[in-house]
C-alpha atoms as a PDB file:
ATOM      1  CA  MET A   1     -10.342 -10.979 -24.361  1.00  0.00           C
ATOM      2  CA  ARG A   2      -6.569 -10.532 -24.197  1.00  0.00           C
ATOM      3  CA  PHE A   3      -6.927  -8.846 -20.800  1.00  0.00           C
ATOM      4  CA  LEU A   4      -8.766 -11.853 -19.351  1.00  0.00           C
ATOM      5  CA  ALA A   5      -6.289 -14.235 -20.924  1.00  0.00           C
ATOM      6  CA  LEU A   6      -3.382 -12.412 -19.275  1.00  0.00           C
ATOM      7  CA  LYS A   7      -5.128 -12.444 -15.879  1.00  0.00           C
ATOM      8  CA  ASN A   8      -5.761 -16.171 -16.131  1.00  0.00           C
ATOM      9  CA  LEU A   9      -2.234 -16.855 -17.362  1.00  0.00           C
ATOM     10  CA  ALA A  10      -0.799 -14.935 -14.409  1.00  0.00           C
ATOM     11  CA  THR A  11      -2.866 -17.109 -12.062  1.00  0.00           C
ATOM     12  CA  VAL A  12      -1.515 -20.246 -13.723  1.00  0.00           C
ATOM     13  CA  PHE A  13       2.080 -19.042 -13.337  1.00  0.00           C
ATOM     14  CA  LEU A  14       1.495 -18.258  -9.652  1.00  0.00           C
ATOM     15  CA  GLN A  15       0.071 -21.719  -9.048  1.00  0.00           C
ATOM     16  CA  GLN A  16       3.264 -23.211 -10.495  1.00  0.00           C
ATOM     17  CA  GLY A  17       5.325 -21.658  -7.719  1.00  0.00           C
ATOM     18  CA  PRO A  18       7.959 -18.978  -7.051  1.00  0.00           C
ATOM     19  CA  ALA A  19      10.097 -19.921 -10.052  1.00  0.00           C
ATOM     20  CA  HIS A  20       7.342 -18.533 -12.284  1.00  0.00           C
ATOM     21  CA  TYR A  21       6.673 -15.255 -10.443  1.00  0.00           C
ATOM     22  CA  ASP A  22       8.609 -13.291 -13.072  1.00  0.00           C
ATOM     23  CA  SER A  23       6.256 -14.526 -15.783  1.00  0.00           C
ATOM     24  CA  ALA A  24       3.195 -13.761 -13.657  1.00  0.00           C
ATOM     25  CA  LEU A  25       4.491 -10.246 -13.077  1.00  0.00           C
ATOM     26  CA  ARG A  26       4.875  -9.639 -16.796  1.00  0.00           C
ATOM     27  CA  CYS A  27       1.339 -10.857 -17.396  1.00  0.00           C
ATOM     28  CA  TYR A  28      -0.066  -8.439 -14.842  1.00  0.00           C
ATOM     29  CA  LEU A  29       1.963  -5.543 -16.255  1.00  0.00           C
ATOM     30  CA  GLN A  30       0.664  -6.258 -19.741  1.00  0.00           C
ATOM     31  CA  ALA A  31      -2.882  -6.586 -18.392  1.00  0.00           C
ATOM     32  CA  VAL A  32      -2.878  -3.152 -16.731  1.00  0.00           C
ATOM     33  CA  GLU A  33      -1.601  -1.599 -19.930  1.00  0.00           C
ATOM     34  CA  ILE A  34      -4.768  -2.891 -21.623  1.00  0.00           C
ATOM     35  CA  ASP A  35      -7.215  -1.977 -18.848  1.00  0.00           C
ATOM     36  CA  THR A  36      -6.162   0.513 -16.176  1.00  0.00           C
ATOM     37  CA  LYS A  37      -9.490   0.463 -14.308  1.00  0.00           C
ATOM     38  CA  ASP A  38      -9.499  -3.018 -12.772  1.00  0.00           C
ATOM     39  CA  TYR A  39      -8.523  -2.462  -9.125  1.00  0.00           C
ATOM     40  CA  VAL A  40      -8.423  -6.217  -8.501  1.00  0.00           C
ATOM     41  CA  VAL A  41      -5.540  -6.641 -10.940  1.00  0.00           C
ATOM     42  CA  TRP A  42      -3.753  -3.623  -9.452  1.00  0.00           C
ATOM     43  CA  ASN A  43      -4.084  -5.244  -6.033  1.00  0.00           C
ATOM     44  CA  GLN A  44      -2.703  -8.534  -7.350  1.00  0.00           C
ATOM     45  CA  LEU A  45       0.173  -6.760  -9.088  1.00  0.00           C
ATOM     46  CA  GLY A  46       1.042  -4.842  -5.925  1.00  0.00           C
ATOM     47  CA  THR A  47       0.939  -7.960  -3.764  1.00  0.00           C
ATOM     48  CA  LEU A  48       3.142  -9.974  -6.117  1.00  0.00           C
ATOM     49  CA  SER A  49       5.625  -7.124  -6.607  1.00  0.00           C
ATOM     50  CA  CYS A  50       5.985  -6.743  -2.852  1.00  0.00           C
ATOM     51  CA  SER A  51       6.810 -10.431  -2.413  1.00  0.00           C
ATOM     52  CA  MET A  52       9.526 -10.048  -5.060  1.00  0.00           C
ATOM     53  CA  GLY A  53      11.078  -7.038  -3.323  1.00  0.00           C
ATOM     54  CA  LEU A  54       9.905  -4.596  -6.021  1.00  0.00           C
ATOM     55  CA  LEU A  55       8.579  -2.048  -3.551  1.00  0.00           C
ATOM     56  CA  SER A  56       8.338   0.889  -5.966  1.00  0.00           C
ATOM     57  CA  THR A  57       6.257  -1.189  -8.377  1.00  0.00           C
ATOM     58  CA  SER A  58       4.145  -2.411  -5.476  1.00  0.00           C
ATOM     59  CA  ARG A  59       3.533   1.142  -4.279  1.00  0.00           C
ATOM     60  CA  TRP A  60       2.595   2.274  -7.769  1.00  0.00           C
ATOM     61  CA  ALA A  61       0.168  -0.621  -8.163  1.00  0.00           C
ATOM     62  CA  PHE A  62      -1.640   0.008  -4.874  1.00  0.00           C
ATOM     63  CA  GLU A  63      -1.831   3.732  -5.607  1.00  0.00           C
ATOM     64  CA  GLN A  64      -3.391   2.973  -8.997  1.00  0.00           C
ATOM     65  CA  GLY A  65      -5.800   0.567  -7.321  1.00  0.00           C
ATOM     66  CA  LEU A  66      -6.922   3.370  -5.008  1.00  0.00           C
ATOM     67  CA  PHE A  67      -7.278   5.714  -7.971  1.00  0.00           C
ATOM     68  CA  CYS A  68      -9.690   3.197  -9.514  1.00  0.00           C
ATOM     69  CA  SER A  69     -11.476   2.479  -6.234  1.00  0.00           C
ATOM     70  CA  PRO A  70     -10.840   5.275  -3.673  1.00  0.00           C
ATOM     71  CA  ASN A  71     -12.534   3.423  -0.801  1.00  0.00           C
ATOM     72  CA  ASN A  72     -10.775   0.109  -1.346  1.00  0.00           C
ATOM     73  CA  TRP A  73      -9.544  -0.869   2.113  1.00  0.00           C
ATOM     74  CA  ASN A  74      -7.398  -3.686   0.728  1.00  0.00           C
ATOM     75  CA  CYS A  75      -5.217  -1.336  -1.312  1.00  0.00           C
ATOM     76  CA  MET A  76      -5.163   1.255   1.488  1.00  0.00           C
ATOM     77  CA  GLU A  77      -3.889  -1.150   4.123  1.00  0.00           C
ATOM     78  CA  LYS A  78      -1.322  -2.742   1.825  1.00  0.00           C
ATOM     79  CA  LEU A  79      -0.087   0.636   0.581  1.00  0.00           C
ATOM     80  CA  LEU A  80       0.447   1.726   4.180  1.00  0.00           C
ATOM     81  CA  GLU A  81       2.715  -1.250   4.871  1.00  0.00           C
ATOM     82  CA  VAL A  82       4.660  -0.831   1.624  1.00  0.00           C
ATOM     83  CA  LEU A  83       5.294   2.830   2.468  1.00  0.00           C
ATOM     84  CA  ILE A  84       6.626   1.754   5.865  1.00  0.00           C
ATOM     85  CA  ALA A  85       8.973  -0.680   4.114  1.00  0.00           C
ATOM     86  CA  ILE A  86      10.112   2.043   1.703  1.00  0.00           C
ATOM     87  CA  GLY A  87      10.534   4.564   4.528  1.00  0.00           C
ATOM     88  CA  ASP A  88       8.389   7.366   3.070  1.00  0.00           C
ATOM     89  CA  GLU A  89       7.225   8.976   6.303  1.00  0.00           C
ATOM     90  CA  VAL A  90       5.180  11.807   4.740  1.00  0.00           C
ATOM     91  CA  ALA A  91       3.232   9.512   2.427  1.00  0.00           C
ATOM     92  CA  CYS A  92       2.799   6.954   5.201  1.00  0.00           C
ATOM     93  CA  LEU A  93       1.249   9.543   7.514  1.00  0.00           C
ATOM     94  CA  SER A  94      -1.031  10.697   4.711  1.00  0.00           C
ATOM     95  CA  VAL A  95      -2.301   7.166   4.026  1.00  0.00           C
ATOM     96  CA  SER A  96      -2.818   6.443   7.727  1.00  0.00           C
ATOM     97  CA  GLN A  97      -4.944   9.591   7.960  1.00  0.00           C
ATOM     98  CA  LEU A  98      -6.877   8.502   4.867  1.00  0.00           C
ATOM     99  CA  ILE A  99      -7.648   5.149   6.478  1.00  0.00           C
ATOM    100  CA  LEU A 100      -8.755   6.846   9.700  1.00  0.00           C
ATOM    101  CA  ARG A 101     -11.147   9.085   7.819  1.00  0.00           C
ATOM    102  CA  HIS A 102     -12.949   5.952   6.665  1.00  0.00           C
ATOM    103  CA  TRP A 103     -12.390   3.838   9.788  1.00  0.00           C
ATOM    104  CA  PRO A 104     -11.617   6.076  12.835  1.00  0.00           C
ATOM    105  CA  SER A 105     -10.934   3.077  15.078  1.00  0.00           C
ATOM    106  CA  HIS A 106      -8.514   1.308  12.713  1.00  0.00           C
ATOM    107  CA  SER A 107      -5.875   0.127  15.207  1.00  0.00           C
ATOM    108  CA  ARG A 108      -2.954  -0.237  12.787  1.00  0.00           C
ATOM    109  CA  ALA A 109      -3.482   3.179  11.194  1.00  0.00           C
ATOM    110  CA  LEU A 110      -3.793   4.758  14.649  1.00  0.00           C
ATOM    111  CA  HIS A 111      -0.557   3.132  15.779  1.00  0.00           C
ATOM    112  CA  VAL A 112       1.317   4.262  12.648  1.00  0.00           C
ATOM    113  CA  LYS A 113      -0.028   7.820  12.881  1.00  0.00           C
ATOM    114  CA  ASN A 114       0.774   8.171  16.590  1.00  0.00           C
ATOM    115  CA  THR A 115       4.245   6.677  16.203  1.00  0.00           C
ATOM    116  CA  ILE A 116       5.146   9.152  13.456  1.00  0.00           C
ATOM    117  CA  GLU A 117       3.550  12.212  15.032  1.00  0.00           C
ATOM    118  CA  GLU A 118       4.834  11.614  18.557  1.00  0.00           C
ATOM    119  CA  SER A 119       8.460  11.134  17.573  1.00  0.00           C
ATOM    120  CA  GLU A 120      10.539  14.216  18.365  1.00  0.00           C
ATOM    121  CA  PRO A 121      12.728  15.543  15.519  1.00  0.00           C
ATOM    122  CA  ILE A 122      16.033  15.081  17.347  1.00  0.00           C
ATOM    123  CA  PRO A 123      19.156  15.150  15.134  1.00  0.00           C
ATOM    124  CA  PHE A 124      20.615  11.700  14.420  1.00  0.00           C
ATOM    125  CA  SER A 125      17.770   9.964  16.256  1.00  0.00           C
ATOM    126  CA  PRO A 126      15.479   7.463  14.479  1.00  0.00           C
ATOM    127  CA  ARG A 127      12.466   8.943  12.750  1.00  0.00           C
ATOM    128  CA  GLY A 128       9.035   7.753  13.738  1.00  0.00           C
ATOM    129  CA  ILE A 129       8.746   5.550  10.684  1.00  0.00           C
ATOM    130  CA  ASP A 130      12.045   3.856  11.536  1.00  0.00           C
ATOM    131  CA  LYS A 131      10.386   2.492  14.670  1.00  0.00           C
ATOM    132  CA  LEU A 132       7.777   0.697  12.558  1.00  0.00           C
ATOM    133  CA  LYS A 133       8.034  -2.618  10.756  1.00  0.00           C
ATOM    134  CA  PRO A 134       5.824  -3.519   7.789  1.00  0.00           C
ATOM    135  CA  LYS A 135       3.386  -6.335   8.462  1.00  0.00           C
ATOM    136  CA  HIS A 136       0.315  -7.543   6.649  1.00  0.00           C
ATOM    137  CA  VAL A 137      -1.281 -10.965   6.544  1.00  0.00           C
ATOM    138  CA  ARG A 138      -1.347 -10.925   2.714  1.00  0.00           C
ATOM    139  CA  LEU A 139       2.055  -9.339   2.064  1.00  0.00           C
ATOM    140  CA  LYS A 140       5.532 -10.838   2.184  1.00  0.00           C
ATOM    141  CA  PHE A 141       8.479  -8.515   2.676  1.00  0.00           C
ATOM    142  CA  LEU A 142      12.077  -9.357   1.881  1.00  0.00           C
ATOM    143  CA  ASP A 143      14.612  -8.249   4.481  1.00  0.00           C
ATOM    144  CA  LYS A 144      15.398  -5.053   2.611  1.00  0.00           C
ATOM    145  CA  ARG A 145      14.009  -2.411   5.005  1.00  0.00           C
ATOM    146  CA  LYS A 146      15.662   0.950   4.379  1.00  0.00           C
ATOM    147  CA  ARG A 147      17.516   2.400   7.333  1.00  0.00           C
ATOM    148  CA  THR A 148      18.133   6.073   8.083  1.00  0.00           C
ATOM    149  CA  GLY A 149      20.985   7.356   5.931  1.00  0.00           C
ATOM    150  CA  ASP A 150      20.992   4.317   3.669  1.00  0.00           C
ATOM    151  CA  ASN A 151      20.207   4.242  -0.033  1.00  0.00           C
ATOM    152  CA  LEU A 152      19.224   0.646  -0.559  1.00  0.00           C
ATOM    153  CA  ASP A 153      17.953  -0.070  -4.033  1.00  0.00           C
ATOM    154  CA  GLU A 154      15.276  -2.734  -4.197  1.00  0.00           C
ATOM    155  CA  GLY A 155      16.601  -6.200  -4.842  1.00  0.00           C
ATOM    156  CA  VAL A 156      20.252  -5.071  -4.832  1.00  0.00           C
ATOM    157  CA  ALA A 157      22.642  -6.639  -2.368  1.00  0.00           C
ATOM    158  CA  PRO A 158      24.187  -4.306   0.263  1.00  0.00           C
ATOM    159  CA  LYS A 159      27.662  -4.717  -1.198  1.00  0.00           C
ATOM    160  CA  LYS A 160      26.398  -2.893  -4.307  1.00  0.00           C
ATOM    161  CA  LEU A 161      25.027   0.149  -2.482  1.00  0.00           C
ATOM    162  CA  ASN A 162      27.441   2.617  -4.069  1.00  0.00           C
ATOM    163  CA  GLN A 163      27.059   1.327  -7.600  1.00  0.00           C
ATOM    164  CA  ASN A 164      25.012   3.108 -10.239  1.00  0.00           C
ATOM    165  CA  VAL A 165      23.143   1.015 -12.759  1.00  0.00           C
ATOM    166  CA  GLU A 166      22.082   2.328 -16.169  1.00  0.00           C
ATOM    167  CA  LEU A 167      18.954   0.710 -17.549  1.00  0.00           C
ATOM    168  CA  GLN A 168      18.517   0.123 -21.266  1.00  0.00           C
ATOM    169  CA  LEU A 169      14.806  -0.280 -21.966  1.00  0.00           C
ATOM    170  CA  ALA A 170      13.677  -2.258 -24.977  1.00  0.00           C
ATOM    171  CA  GLU A 171      10.436  -0.262 -24.989  1.00  0.00           C
ATOM    172  CA  ALA A 172       8.950   2.680 -23.112  1.00  0.00           C
ATOM    173  CA  SER A 173       6.451   0.715 -21.024  1.00  0.00           C
ATOM    174  CA  TRP A 174       6.063  -0.761 -17.558  1.00  0.00           C
ATOM    175  CA  THR A 175       6.645  -4.189 -19.054  1.00  0.00           C
ATOM    176  CA  GLY A 176       9.961  -3.021 -20.475  1.00  0.00           C
ATOM    177  CA  LEU A 177      10.946  -1.487 -17.139  1.00  0.00           C
ATOM    178  CA  ALA A 178      10.043  -4.682 -15.273  1.00  0.00           C
ATOM    179  CA  ASP A 179      12.131  -6.764 -17.685  1.00  0.00           C
ATOM    180  CA  ALA A 180      15.120  -4.478 -17.133  1.00  0.00           C
ATOM    181  CA  LEU A 181      14.747  -4.545 -13.347  1.00  0.00           C
ATOM    182  CA  LEU A 182      14.330  -8.305 -13.278  1.00  0.00           C
ATOM    183  CA  GLY A 183      17.479  -8.625 -15.360  1.00  0.00           C
ATOM    184  CA  ILE A 184      19.352  -6.839 -12.566  1.00  0.00           C
ATOM    185  CA  LEU A 185      17.626  -8.730  -9.769  1.00  0.00           C
ATOM    186  CA  HIS A 186      18.250 -12.142 -11.325  1.00  0.00           C
ATOM    187  CA  PRO A 187      21.556 -12.006 -13.268  1.00  0.00           C
ATOM    188  CA  LEU A 188      22.119 -15.073 -15.343  1.00  0.00           C
ATOM    189  CA  SER A 189      25.883 -14.891 -15.645  1.00  0.00           C
ATOM    190  CA  GLY A 190      27.656 -17.244 -13.295  1.00  0.00           C
ATOM    191  CA  CYS A 191      24.538 -18.596 -11.615  1.00  0.00           C
ATOM    192  CA  SER A 192      21.410 -20.500 -12.475  1.00  0.00           C
ATOM    193  CA  SER A 193      17.988 -18.906 -12.658  1.00  0.00           C
ATOM    194  CA  GLU A 194      17.026 -20.894  -9.569  1.00  0.00           C
ATOM    195  CA  GLN A 195      19.748 -19.157  -7.546  1.00  0.00           C
ATOM    196  CA  GLY A 196      18.267 -15.793  -8.475  1.00  0.00           C
ATOM    197  CA  LEU A 197      14.985 -16.856  -6.916  1.00  0.00           C
ATOM    198  CA  THR A 198      16.132 -18.183  -3.563  1.00  0.00           C
ATOM    199  CA  ASN A 199      14.351 -15.418  -1.666  1.00  0.00           C
ATOM    200  CA  TYR A 200      10.931 -16.457  -2.960  1.00  0.00           C
ATOM    201  CA  THR A 201      10.322 -19.402  -0.699  1.00  0.00           C
ATOM    202  CA  ASN A 202       6.586 -19.127  -0.113  1.00  0.00           C
ATOM    203  CA  PRO A 203       3.628 -18.911  -2.461  1.00  0.00           C
ATOM    204  CA  VAL A 204       1.888 -15.554  -2.696  1.00  0.00           C
ATOM    205  CA  THR A 205      -1.755 -15.022  -1.809  1.00  0.00           C
ATOM    206  CA  LEU A 206      -3.101 -12.152  -3.895  1.00  0.00           C
ATOM    207  CA  ASP A 207      -6.339 -11.373  -2.085  1.00  0.00           C
END
C-alpha cells in the first residue's frame, strides 16, 4: 500500500513541474527500498535522475531495472545513453553488445559498438566513446558530458572541479544519499530554491 502511494505521489509531484522533481525523486527512492522488483519504477527513477544530472543514480536505476527484467529494451537503450554521458567505454560496449544479441539490426547499438571498436588507441587522441553524444527521445541530458582527462562530478559547476566534498548522511540508505547530493546540487545559502533548479526547464516523460 505504501509502495503504491509513493508511486502515485511521485507522479503528482512530476505533474506539478520541475520545481518538484526533488520530491518526486525521494518518493521513487523510498518506493524501491520497499519493492526492488518493479522494473517500471526503476525505469522512472532512472529517467528522472538523468534529467536532474544525477547520472550515477540513473545508471544504477537502469541496471536494477535490467536485473528485474533482463530483456527490457527500455532500460537497455536508456542505460546505453547514460553510459555514453558518463564516459564508461567498457560498460557502454558491453551494453551495446547485449542489445545486439537481442536485436542484431539495432542501428544505435551498432553505431556505438563500431565507433568504440574502430577507434585506434592513439595516445592523447579521443577515445571512441568521446566521439559519441548521448541521445534518447525519453531522456534529457544536462550539458555535463565528461571529457577525456576531466573529473567532472555530476551537478557540480566546472569551477569546483578540484574541490573535494565530504558527505554526511543522515541514514545509510539511497534516500539519505539522494538528500545529501541534492543539498550539494541546490545550495540554499545565498540563492533561492528556484535558482537551484534553473537547469530543469522541461517536464520529464518517464516512459
